[in-house]
Amino acid sequence: TLIVTHRERFAQTLQEGIGRAKAFGCGLLLVRRED
């Protein structure tokens, strides 16, 4: 379970991705709401 404490930072990270290999399609996040 993920708890977001900084909405703006999370939104930026979700949009930009994480890590150094983003140009190769790595660093993407899959996030969904918990039912």
C-alpha atoms as a PDB file:
ATOM      1  CA  THR A   1       0.000   0.000   0.000  1.00  0.00           C
ATOM      2  CA  LEU A   2       1.299   3.419  -0.965  1.00  0.00           C
ATOM      3  CA  ILE A   3       0.478   6.509   1.071  1.00  0.00           C
ATOM      4  CA  VAL A   4       1.120   9.797  -0.749  1.00  0.00           C
ATOM      5  CA  THR A   5       2.204  12.585   1.580  1.00  0.00           C
ATOM      6  CA  HIS A   6       3.344  15.118  -1.058  1.00  0.00           C
ATOM      7  CA  ARG A   7       0.780  15.236  -3.869  1.00  0.00           C
ATOM      8  CA  GLU A   8       2.698  17.673  -6.076  1.00  0.00           C
ATOM      9  CA  ARG A   9       5.932  15.681  -5.913  1.00  0.00           C
ATOM     10  CA  PHE A  10       4.099  12.417  -6.545  1.00  0.00           C
ATOM     11  CA  ALA A  11       2.290  13.871  -9.575  1.00  0.00           C
ATOM     12  CA  GLN A  12       5.592  15.138 -10.987  1.00  0.00           C
ATOM     13  CA  THR A  13       7.288  11.774 -10.457  1.00  0.00           C
ATOM     14  CA  LEU A  14       4.352   9.939 -11.989  1.00  0.00           C
ATOM     15  CA  GLN A  15       4.523  12.173 -15.063  1.00  0.00           C
ATOM     16  CA  GLU A  16       8.317  12.167 -15.482  1.00  0.00           C
ATOM     17  CA  GLY A  17       9.169   8.635 -14.335  1.00  0.00           C
ATOM     18  CA  ILE A  18      12.045   7.560 -12.104  1.00  0.00           C
ATOM     19  CA  GLY A  19      15.593   6.376 -12.632  1.00  0.00           C
ATOM     20  CA  ARG A  20      18.298   6.933 -15.231  1.00  0.00           C
ATOM     21  CA  ALA A  21      16.938   4.650 -17.993  1.00  0.00           C
ATOM     22  CA  LYS A  22      13.732   6.610 -18.672  1.00  0.00           C
ATOM     23  CA  ALA A  23      14.769   7.209 -22.295  1.00  0.00           C
ATOM     24  CA  PHE A  24      14.753   3.437 -22.819  1.00  0.00           C
ATOM     25  CA  GLY A  25      11.207   2.987 -21.509  1.00  0.00           C
ATOM     26  CA  CYS A  26      12.218   2.143 -17.962  1.00  0.00           C
ATOM     27  CA  GLY A  27      11.126   4.052 -14.893  1.00  0.00           C
ATOM     28  CA  LEU A  28       7.408   4.049 -15.603  1.00  0.00           C
ATOM     29  CA  LEU A  29       4.989   3.561 -12.732  1.00  0.00           C
ATOM     30  CA  LEU A  30       1.697   1.682 -12.810  1.00  0.00           C
ATOM     31  CA  VAL A  31      -0.660   3.063 -10.176  1.00  0.00           C
ATOM     32  CA  ARG A  32      -4.274   2.173  -9.542  1.00  0.00           C
ATOM     33  CA  ARG A  33      -6.809   2.877  -6.847  1.00  0.00           C
ATOM     34  CA  GLU A  34      -7.377   0.284  -4.202  1.00  0.00           C
ATOM     35  CA  ASP A  35     -10.880  -1.183  -4.323  1.00  0.00           C
END
